[in-house]
């Protein structure tokens, strides 16, 4: 009888030690610092893959990429372009 009680106590002690280790590991994994580190690393990896894919796409389609850049520049400079066109019309009518 004593042997089985001692064995049960040893098993319980081992189970508590395993549980304590598991809880400690979970606390480390779920700490805000660890979560922020994982999120930052994941974001950096995703950005790196996106940048590489973009570079590969531009290499494969340089004409389309140049067209897209031209459209983007025209969109961003639309107010300045309109102002220049208005000035040109005024100079023609004078």
PDB file of N, CA and C in Angstrom:
ATOM      1  N   UNK A   1       0.818  -1.183   0.000  1.00  0.00           N
ATOM      2  CA  UNK A   1       0.000   0.000   0.000  1.00  0.00           C
ATOM      3  C   UNK A   1       0.868   1.255   0.000  1.00  0.00           C
ATOM      4  N   UNK A   2       1.886   1.274   0.817  1.00  0.00           N
ATOM      5  CA  UNK A   2       2.753   2.437   0.910  1.00  0.00           C
ATOM      6  C   UNK A   2       3.465   2.694  -0.407  1.00  0.00           C
ATOM      7  N   UNK A   3       3.819   1.621  -1.080  1.00  0.00           N
ATOM      8  CA  UNK A   3       4.504   1.759  -2.354  1.00  0.00           C
ATOM      9  C   UNK A   3       3.607   2.431  -3.382  1.00  0.00           C
ATOM     10  N   UNK A   4       2.349   2.052  -3.434  1.00  0.00           N
ATOM     11  CA  UNK A   4       1.440   2.650  -4.411  1.00  0.00           C
ATOM     12  C   UNK A   4       1.163   4.116  -4.072  1.00  0.00           C
ATOM     13  N   UNK A   5       1.100   4.449  -2.796  1.00  0.00           N
ATOM     14  CA  UNK A   5       0.888   5.846  -2.397  1.00  0.00           C
ATOM     15  C   UNK A   5       2.118   6.673  -2.765  1.00  0.00           C
ATOM     16  N   UNK A   6       3.276   6.124  -2.503  1.00  0.00           N
ATOM     17  CA  UNK A   6       4.518   6.827  -2.843  1.00  0.00           C
ATOM     18  C   UNK A   6       4.624   7.012  -4.352  1.00  0.00           C
ATOM     19  N   UNK A   7       4.286   5.977  -5.098  1.00  0.00           N
ATOM     20  CA  UNK A   7       4.325   6.070  -6.561  1.00  0.00           C
ATOM     21  C   UNK A   7       3.335   7.116  -7.064  1.00  0.00           C
ATOM     22  N   UNK A   8       2.161   7.150  -6.473  1.00  0.00           N
ATOM     23  CA  UNK A   8       1.157   8.142  -6.871  1.00  0.00           C
ATOM     24  C   UNK A   8       1.647   9.552  -6.552  1.00  0.00           C
ATOM     25  N   UNK A   9       2.282   9.709  -5.395  1.00  0.00           N
ATOM     26  CA  UNK A   9       2.815  11.025  -5.040  1.00  0.00           C
ATOM     27  C   UNK A   9       3.913  11.449  -6.010  1.00  0.00           C
ATOM     28  N   UNK A  10       4.758  10.511  -6.406  1.00  0.00           N
ATOM     29  CA  UNK A  10       5.822  10.818  -7.368  1.00  0.00           C
ATOM     30  C   UNK A  10       5.235  11.200  -8.728  1.00  0.00           C
ATOM     31  N   UNK A  11       4.191  10.458  -9.146  1.00  0.00           N
ATOM     32  CA  UNK A  11       3.539  10.786 -10.424  1.00  0.00           C
ATOM     33  C   UNK A  11       2.891  12.167 -10.353  1.00  0.00           C
ATOM     34  N   UNK A  12       2.267  12.464  -9.234  1.00  0.00           N
ATOM     35  CA  UNK A  12       1.630  13.774  -9.060  1.00  0.00           C
ATOM     36  C   UNK A  12       2.675  14.889  -9.072  1.00  0.00           C
ATOM     37  N   UNK A  13       3.793  14.638  -8.420  1.00  0.00           N
ATOM     38  CA  UNK A  13       4.863  15.632  -8.392  1.00  0.00           C
ATOM     39  C   UNK A  13       5.414  15.853  -9.807  1.00  0.00           C
ATOM     40  N   UNK A  14       5.601  14.778 -10.553  1.00  0.00           N
ATOM     41  CA  UNK A  14       6.091  14.898 -11.929  1.00  0.00           C
ATOM     42  C   UNK A  14       5.075  15.645 -12.800  1.00  0.00           C
ATOM     43  N   UNK A  15       3.800  15.351 -12.600  1.00  0.00           N
ATOM     44  CA  UNK A  15       2.751  16.033 -13.366  1.00  0.00           C
ATOM     45  C   UNK A  15       2.735  17.523 -13.036  1.00  0.00           C
ATOM     46  N   UNK A  16       2.904  17.868 -11.768  1.00  0.00           N
ATOM     47  CA  UNK A  16       2.945  19.283 -11.376  1.00  0.00           C
ATOM     48  C   UNK A  16       4.143  19.983 -12.016  1.00  0.00           C
ATOM     49  N   UNK A  17       5.267  19.303 -12.059  1.00  0.00           N
ATOM     50  CA  UNK A  17       6.469  19.887 -12.670  1.00  0.00           C
ATOM     51  C   UNK A  17       6.244  20.124 -14.165  1.00  0.00           C
ATOM     52  N   UNK A  18       5.624  19.138 -14.845  1.00  0.00           N
ATOM     53  CA  UNK A  18       5.327  19.309 -16.279  1.00  0.00           C
ATOM     54  C   UNK A  18       4.365  20.464 -16.496  1.00  0.00           C
ATOM     55  N   UNK A  19       3.335  20.526 -15.656  1.00  0.00           N
ATOM     56  CA  UNK A  19       2.338  21.589 -15.772  1.00  0.00           C
ATOM     57  C   UNK A  19       2.981  22.950 -15.527  1.00  0.00           C
ATOM     58  N   UNK A  20       3.845  23.020 -14.539  1.00  0.00           N
ATOM     59  CA  UNK A  20       4.526  24.277 -14.240  1.00  0.00           C
ATOM     60  C   UNK A  20       5.383  24.716 -15.425  1.00  0.00           C
ATOM     61  N   UNK A  21       6.076  23.770 -16.037  1.00  0.00           N
ATOM     62  CA  UNK A  21       6.885  24.081 -17.220  1.00  0.00           C
ATOM     63  C   UNK A  21       6.029  24.563 -18.378  1.00  0.00           C
ATOM     64  N   UNK A  22       4.886  23.903 -18.568  1.00  0.00           N
ATOM     65  CA  UNK A  22       3.980  24.295 -19.641  1.00  0.00           C
ATOM     66  C   UNK A  22       3.423  25.692 -19.402  1.00  0.00           C
ATOM     67  N   UNK A  23       3.042  25.980 -18.175  1.00  0.00           N
ATOM     68  CA  UNK A  23       2.511  27.307 -17.843  1.00  0.00           C
ATOM     69  C   UNK A  23       3.585  28.367 -18.073  1.00  0.00           C
ATOM     70  N   UNK A  24       4.805  28.084 -17.664  1.00  0.00           N
ATOM     71  CA  UNK A  24       5.904  29.036 -17.882  1.00  0.00           C
ATOM     72  C   UNK A  24       6.137  29.293 -19.359  1.00  0.00           C
ATOM     73  N   UNK A  25       6.094  28.236 -20.158  1.00  0.00           N
ATOM     74  CA  UNK A  25       6.278  28.379 -21.605  1.00  0.00           C
ATOM     75  C   UNK A  25       5.153  29.210 -22.219  1.00  0.00           C
ATOM     76  N   UNK A  26       3.924  28.954 -21.787  1.00  0.00           N
ATOM     77  CA  UNK A  26       2.786  29.729 -22.299  1.00  0.00           C
ATOM     78  C   UNK A  26       2.893  31.194 -21.896  1.00  0.00           C
ATOM     79  N   UNK A  27       3.320  31.452 -20.671  1.00  0.00           N
ATOM     80  CA  UNK A  27       3.480  32.842 -20.237  1.00  0.00           C
ATOM     81  C   UNK A  27       4.511  33.558 -21.104  1.00  0.00           C
ATOM     82  N   UNK A  28       5.589  32.878 -21.433  1.00  0.00           N
ATOM     83  CA  UNK A  28       6.620  33.483 -22.284  1.00  0.00           C
ATOM     84  C   UNK A  28       6.079  33.730 -23.690  1.00  0.00           C
ATOM     85  N   UNK A  29       5.392  32.743 -24.252  1.00  0.00           N
ATOM     86  CA  UNK A  29       4.851  32.882 -25.611  1.00  0.00           C
ATOM     87  C   UNK A  29       3.811  33.984 -25.712  1.00  0.00           C
ATOM     88  N   UNK A  30       3.015  34.155 -24.658  1.00  0.00           N
ATOM     89  CA  UNK A  30       1.914  35.113 -24.694  1.00  0.00           C
ATOM     90  C   UNK A  30       2.265  36.461 -24.073  1.00  0.00           C
ATOM     91  N   UNK A  31       3.521  36.658 -23.740  1.00  0.00           N
ATOM     92  CA  UNK A  31       3.904  37.956 -23.183  1.00  0.00           C
ATOM     93  C   UNK A  31       3.819  39.009 -24.291  1.00  0.00           C
ATOM     94  N   UNK A  32       3.468  40.228 -23.954  1.00  0.00           N
ATOM     95  CA  UNK A  32       3.347  41.274 -24.971  1.00  0.00           C
ATOM     96  C   UNK A  32       4.625  41.467 -25.784  1.00  0.00           C
ATOM     97  N   UNK A  33       5.759  41.360 -25.134  1.00  0.00           N
ATOM     98  CA  UNK A  33       7.026  41.535 -25.851  1.00  0.00           C
ATOM     99  C   UNK A  33       7.210  40.438 -26.903  1.00  0.00           C
ATOM    100  N   UNK A  34       6.910  39.187 -26.541  1.00  0.00           N
ATOM    101  CA  UNK A  34       7.041  38.083 -27.494  1.00  0.00           C
ATOM    102  C   UNK A  34       6.045  38.224 -28.636  1.00  0.00           C
ATOM    103  N   UNK A  35       4.814  38.593 -28.309  1.00  0.00           N
ATOM    104  CA  UNK A  35       3.802  38.768 -29.354  1.00  0.00           C
ATOM    105  C   UNK A  35       4.194  39.891 -30.306  1.00  0.00           C
ATOM    106  N   UNK A  36       4.709  40.989 -29.771  1.00  0.00           N
ATOM    107  CA  UNK A  36       5.135  42.103 -30.618  1.00  0.00           C
ATOM    108  C   UNK A  36       6.309  41.690 -31.495  1.00  0.00           C
ATOM    109  N   UNK A  37       7.240  40.933 -30.936  1.00  0.00           N
ATOM    110  CA  UNK A  37       8.399  40.470 -31.705  1.00  0.00           C
ATOM    111  C   UNK A  37       7.957  39.571 -32.854  1.00  0.00           C
ATOM    112  N   UNK A  38       7.038  38.657 -32.575  1.00  0.00           N
ATOM    113  CA  UNK A  38       6.535  37.761 -33.620  1.00  0.00           C
ATOM    114  C   UNK A  38       5.789  38.534 -34.698  1.00  0.00           C
ATOM    115  N   UNK A  39       4.976  39.499 -34.286  1.00  0.00           N
ATOM    116  CA  UNK A  39       4.224  40.294 -35.260  1.00  0.00           C
ATOM    117  C   UNK A  39       5.172  41.108 -36.132  1.00  0.00           C
ATOM    118  N   UNK A  40       6.187  41.694 -35.526  1.00  0.00           N
ATOM    119  CA  UNK A  40       7.155  42.482 -36.282  1.00  0.00           C
ATOM    120  C   UNK A  40       7.903  41.603 -37.274  1.00  0.00           C
ATOM    121  N   UNK A  41       8.311  40.436 -36.839  1.00  0.00           N
ATOM    122  CA  UNK A  41       9.031  39.520 -37.722  1.00  0.00           C
ATOM    123  C   UNK A  41       8.135  39.070 -38.871  1.00  0.00           C
ATOM    124  N   UNK A  42       6.883  38.753 -38.562  1.00  0.00           N
ATOM    125  CA  UNK A  42       5.954  38.341 -39.611  1.00  0.00           C
ATOM    126  C   UNK A  42       5.712  39.444 -40.619  1.00  0.00           C
ATOM    127  N   UNK A  43       5.584  40.668 -40.146  1.00  0.00           N
ATOM    128  CA  UNK A  43       5.375  41.805 -41.036  1.00  0.00           C
ATOM    129  C   UNK A  43       6.603  42.041 -41.906  1.00  0.00           C
ATOM    130  N   UNK A  44       7.780  41.929 -41.320  1.00  0.00           N
ATOM    131  CA  UNK A  44       9.012  42.113 -42.086  1.00  0.00           C
ATOM    132  C   UNK A  44       9.143  41.041 -43.163  1.00  0.00           C
ATOM    133  N   UNK A  45       8.815  39.806 -42.829  1.00  0.00           N
ATOM    134  CA  UNK A  45       8.880  38.726 -43.814  1.00  0.00           C
ATOM    135  C   UNK A  45       7.897  38.961 -44.951  1.00  0.00           C
ATOM    136  N   UNK A  46       6.681  39.390 -44.616  1.00  0.00           N
ATOM    137  CA  UNK A  46       5.667  39.650 -45.635  1.00  0.00           C
ATOM    138  C   UNK A  46       6.092  40.802 -46.532  1.00  0.00           C
ATOM    139  N   UNK A  47       6.623  41.858 -45.949  1.00  0.00           N
ATOM    140  CA  UNK A  47       7.082  43.004 -46.739  1.00  0.00           C
ATOM    141  C   UNK A  47       8.226  42.603 -47.657  1.00  0.00           C
ATOM    142  N   UNK A  48       9.118  41.772 -47.164  1.00  0.00           N
ATOM    143  CA  UNK A  48      10.239  41.308 -47.980  1.00  0.00           C
ATOM    144  C   UNK A  48       9.745  40.494 -49.168  1.00  0.00           C
ATOM    145  N   UNK A  49       8.801  39.592 -48.921  1.00  0.00           N
ATOM    146  CA  UNK A  49       8.250  38.790 -50.023  1.00  0.00           C
ATOM    147  C   UNK A  49       7.529  39.669 -51.035  1.00  0.00           C
ATOM    148  N   UNK A  50       6.784  40.659 -50.555  1.00  0.00           N
ATOM    149  CA  UNK A  50       6.059  41.558 -51.460  1.00  0.00           C
ATOM    150  C   UNK A  50       7.034  42.376 -52.300  1.00  0.00           C
ATOM    151  N   UNK A  51       8.097  42.856 -51.688  1.00  0.00           N
ATOM    152  CA  UNK A  51       9.086  43.638 -52.430  1.00  0.00           C
ATOM    153  C   UNK A  51       9.765  42.784 -53.492  1.00  0.00           C
ATOM    154  N   UNK A  52      10.115  41.569 -53.135  1.00  0.00           N
ATOM    155  CA  UNK A  52      10.750  40.681 -54.119  1.00  0.00           C
ATOM    156  C   UNK A  52       9.795  40.358 -55.265  1.00  0.00           C
ATOM    157  N   UNK A  53       8.534  40.133 -54.942  1.00  0.00           N
ATOM    158  CA  UNK A  53       7.547  39.855 -55.987  1.00  0.00           C
ATOM    159  C   UNK A  53       7.378  41.070 -56.889  1.00  0.00           C
ATOM    160  N   UNK A  54       7.381  42.262 -56.312  1.00  0.00           N
ATOM    161  CA  UNK A  54       7.270  43.485 -57.108  1.00  0.00           C
ATOM    162  C   UNK A  54       8.450  43.663 -58.041  1.00  0.00           C
ATOM    163  N   UNK A  55       9.645  43.415 -57.543  1.00  0.00           N
ATOM    164  CA  UNK A  55      10.843  43.529 -58.379  1.00  0.00           C
ATOM    165  C   UNK A  55      10.784  42.517 -59.515  1.00  0.00           C
ATOM    166  N   UNK A  56      10.376  41.300 -59.217  1.00  0.00           N
ATOM    167  CA  UNK A  56      10.268  40.278 -60.259  1.00  0.00           C
ATOM    168  C   UNK A  56       9.237  40.671 -61.308  1.00  0.00           C
ATOM    169  N   UNK A  57       8.125  41.236 -60.876  1.00  0.00           N
ATOM    170  CA  UNK A  57       7.087  41.658 -61.815  1.00  0.00           C
ATOM    171  C   UNK A  57       7.597  42.770 -62.719  1.00  0.00           C
ATOM    172  N   UNK A  58       8.316  43.725 -62.157  1.00  0.00           N
ATOM    173  CA  UNK A  58       8.860  44.819 -62.971  1.00  0.00           C
ATOM    174  C   UNK A  58       9.879  44.282 -63.962  1.00  0.00           C
ATOM    175  N   UNK A  59      10.695  43.342 -63.537  1.00  0.00           N
ATOM    176  CA  UNK A  59      11.673  42.751 -64.461  1.00  0.00           C
ATOM    177  C   UNK A  59      10.984  42.016 -65.603  1.00  0.00           C
ATOM    178  N   UNK A  60       9.894  41.344 -65.295  1.00  0.00           N
ATOM    179  CA  UNK A  60       9.175  40.593 -66.322  1.00  0.00           C
ATOM    180  C   UNK A  60       8.371  41.500 -67.246  1.00  0.00           C
ATOM    181  N   UNK A  61       7.897  42.646 -66.755  1.00  0.00           N
ATOM    182  CA  UNK A  61       7.034  43.544 -67.528  1.00  0.00           C
ATOM    183  C   UNK A  61       7.511  44.989 -67.405  1.00  0.00           C
ATOM    184  N   UNK A  62       8.666  45.333 -67.983  1.00  0.00           N
ATOM    185  CA  UNK A  62       9.173  46.701 -67.803  1.00  0.00           C
ATOM    186  C   UNK A  62       8.283  47.759 -68.453  1.00  0.00           C
ATOM    187  N   UNK A  63       7.665  47.455 -69.580  1.00  0.00           N
ATOM    188  CA  UNK A  63       6.798  48.426 -70.247  1.00  0.00           C
ATOM    189  C   UNK A  63       5.567  48.748 -69.424  1.00  0.00           C
ATOM    190  N   UNK A  64       4.946  47.718 -68.898  1.00  0.00           N
ATOM    191  CA  UNK A  64       3.765  47.926 -68.055  1.00  0.00           C
ATOM    192  C   UNK A  64       4.135  48.692 -66.790  1.00  0.00           C
ATOM    193  N   UNK A  65       5.301  48.390 -66.241  1.00  0.00           N
ATOM    194  CA  UNK A  65       5.738  49.090 -65.033  1.00  0.00           C
ATOM    195  C   UNK A  65       5.973  50.566 -65.332  1.00  0.00           C
ATOM    196  N   UNK A  66       6.594  50.872 -66.470  1.00  0.00           N
ATOM    197  CA  UNK A  66       6.822  52.272 -66.838  1.00  0.00           C
ATOM    198  C   UNK A  66       5.496  52.990 -67.043  1.00  0.00           C
ATOM    199  N   UNK A  67       4.539  52.319 -67.662  1.00  0.00           N
ATOM    200  CA  UNK A  67       3.217  52.914 -67.846  1.00  0.00           C
ATOM    201  C   UNK A  67       2.534  53.189 -66.519  1.00  0.00           C
ATOM    202  N   UNK A  68       2.637  52.257 -65.601  1.00  0.00           N
ATOM    203  CA  UNK A  68       2.026  52.443 -64.281  1.00  0.00           C
ATOM    204  C   UNK A  68       2.670  53.612 -63.543  1.00  0.00           C
ATOM    205  N   UNK A  69       3.983  53.745 -63.657  1.00  0.00           N
ATOM    206  CA  UNK A  69       4.677  54.865 -63.016  1.00  0.00           C
ATOM    207  C   UNK A  69       4.239  56.182 -63.652  1.00  0.00           C
ATOM    208  N   UNK A  70       4.113  56.195 -64.986  1.00  0.00           N
ATOM    209  CA  UNK A  70       3.680  57.417 -65.674  1.00  0.00           C
ATOM    210  C   UNK A  70       2.278  57.826 -65.228  1.00  0.00           C
ATOM    211  N   UNK A  71       1.385  56.868 -65.117  1.00  0.00           N
ATOM    212  CA  UNK A  71       0.021  57.169 -64.664  1.00  0.00           C
ATOM    213  C   UNK A  71       0.045  57.689 -63.230  1.00  0.00           C
ATOM    214  N   UNK A  72       0.837  57.070 -62.379  1.00  0.00           N
ATOM    215  CA  UNK A  72       0.916  57.512 -60.981  1.00  0.00           C
ATOM    216  C   UNK A  72       1.470  58.930 -60.882  1.00  0.00           C
ATOM    217  N   UNK A  73       2.506  59.231 -61.659  1.00  0.00           N
ATOM    218  CA  UNK A  73       3.087  60.579 -61.641  1.00  0.00           C
ATOM    219  C   UNK A  73       2.080  61.592 -62.169  1.00  0.00           C
ATOM    220  N   UNK A  74       1.384  61.249 -63.251  1.00  0.00           N
ATOM    221  CA  UNK A  74       0.374  62.164 -63.796  1.00  0.00           C
ATOM    222  C   UNK A  74      -0.732  62.414 -62.773  1.00  0.00           C
ATOM    223  N   UNK A  75      -1.137  61.377 -62.067  1.00  0.00           N
ATOM    224  CA  UNK A  75      -2.176  61.548 -61.050  1.00  0.00           C
ATOM    225  C   UNK A  75      -1.699  62.454 -59.924  1.00  0.00           C
ATOM    226  N   UNK A  76      -0.486  62.218 -59.454  1.00  0.00           N
ATOM    227  CA  UNK A  76       0.033  63.019 -58.346  1.00  0.00           C
ATOM    228  C   UNK A  76       0.293  64.469 -58.760  1.00  0.00           C
ATOM    229  N   UNK A  77       0.606  64.691 -60.033  1.00  0.00           N
ATOM    230  CA  UNK A  77       0.911  66.040 -60.514  1.00  0.00           C
ATOM    231  C   UNK A  77      -0.265  66.660 -61.256  1.00  0.00           C
ATOM    232  N   UNK A  78      -1.461  66.135 -61.099  1.00  0.00           N
ATOM    233  CA  UNK A  78      -2.607  66.587 -61.894  1.00  0.00           C
ATOM    234  C   UNK A  78      -2.918  68.062 -61.700  1.00  0.00           C
ATOM    235  N   UNK A  79      -2.753  68.575 -60.498  1.00  0.00           N
ATOM    236  CA  UNK A  79      -3.052  69.988 -60.254  1.00  0.00           C
ATOM    237  C   UNK A  79      -2.024  70.888 -60.952  1.00  0.00           C
ATOM    238  N   UNK A  80      -0.773  70.527 -60.883  1.00  0.00           N
ATOM    239  CA  UNK A  80       0.263  71.310 -61.545  1.00  0.00           C
ATOM    240  C   UNK A  80       0.095  71.247 -63.065  1.00  0.00           C
ATOM    241  N   UNK A  81      -0.253  70.090 -63.580  1.00  0.00           N
ATOM    242  CA  UNK A  81      -0.472  69.937 -65.023  1.00  0.00           C
ATOM    243  C   UNK A  81      -1.655  70.794 -65.461  1.00  0.00           C
ATOM    244  N   UNK A  82      -2.730  70.774 -64.697  1.00  0.00           N
ATOM    245  CA  UNK A  82      -3.902  71.588 -65.037  1.00  0.00           C
ATOM    246  C   UNK A  82      -3.545  73.067 -65.013  1.00  0.00           C
ATOM    247  N   UNK A  83      -2.772  73.492 -64.042  1.00  0.00           N
ATOM    248  CA  UNK A  83      -2.370  74.899 -63.959  1.00  0.00           C
ATOM    249  C   UNK A  83      -1.537  75.290 -65.180  1.00  0.00           C
ATOM    250  N   UNK A  84      -0.623  74.430 -65.598  1.00  0.00           N
ATOM    251  CA  UNK A  84       0.186  74.712 -66.786  1.00  0.00           C
ATOM    252  C   UNK A  84      -0.681  74.790 -68.036  1.00  0.00           C
ATOM    253  N   UNK A  85      -1.654  73.912 -68.137  1.00  0.00           N
ATOM    254  CA  UNK A  85      -2.538  73.941 -69.303  1.00  0.00           C
ATOM    255  C   UNK A  85      -3.379  75.212 -69.321  1.00  0.00           C
ATOM    256  N   UNK A  86      -3.833  75.657 -68.161  1.00  0.00           N
ATOM    257  CA  UNK A  86      -4.607  76.902 -68.102  1.00  0.00           C
ATOM    258  C   UNK A  86      -3.745  78.095 -68.491  1.00  0.00           C
ATOM    259  N   UNK A  87      -2.501  78.106 -68.044  1.00  0.00           N
ATOM    260  CA  UNK A  87      -1.582  79.188 -68.419  1.00  0.00           C
ATOM    261  C   UNK A  87      -1.360  79.189 -69.924  1.00  0.00           C
ATOM    262  N   UNK A  88      -1.217  78.010 -70.489  1.00  0.00           N
ATOM    263  CA  UNK A  88      -1.001  77.907 -71.934  1.00  0.00           C
ATOM    264  C   UNK A  88      -2.186  78.443 -72.712  1.00  0.00           C
ATOM    265  N   UNK A  89      -3.401  78.177 -72.276  1.00  0.00           N
ATOM    266  CA  UNK A  89      -4.597  78.682 -72.954  1.00  0.00           C
ATOM    267  C   UNK A  89      -4.655  80.199 -72.856  1.00  0.00           C
ATOM    268  N   UNK A  90      -4.296  80.761 -71.705  1.00  0.00           N
ATOM    269  CA  UNK A  90      -4.316  82.214 -71.544  1.00  0.00           C
ATOM    270  C   UNK A  90      -3.302  82.862 -72.472  1.00  0.00           C
ATOM    271  N   UNK A  91      -2.139  82.258 -72.610  1.00  0.00           N
ATOM    272  CA  UNK A  91      -1.113  82.824 -73.487  1.00  0.00           C
ATOM    273  C   UNK A  91      -1.541  82.760 -74.942  1.00  0.00           C
ATOM    274  N   UNK A  92      -2.280  81.744 -75.321  1.00  0.00           N
ATOM    275  CA  UNK A  92      -2.748  81.628 -76.702  1.00  0.00           C
ATOM    276  C   UNK A  92      -3.819  82.663 -77.014  1.00  0.00           C
ATOM    277  N   UNK A  93      -4.655  83.007 -76.055  1.00  0.00           N
ATOM    278  CA  UNK A  93      -5.744  83.957 -76.304  1.00  0.00           C
ATOM    279  C   UNK A  93      -5.272  85.397 -76.211  1.00  0.00           C
ATOM    280  N   UNK A  94      -4.130  85.666 -75.604  1.00  0.00           N
ATOM    281  CA  UNK A  94      -3.633  87.049 -75.473  1.00  0.00           C
ATOM    282  C   UNK A  94      -3.034  87.553 -76.740  1.00  0.00           C
TER     283      UNK A  94
END
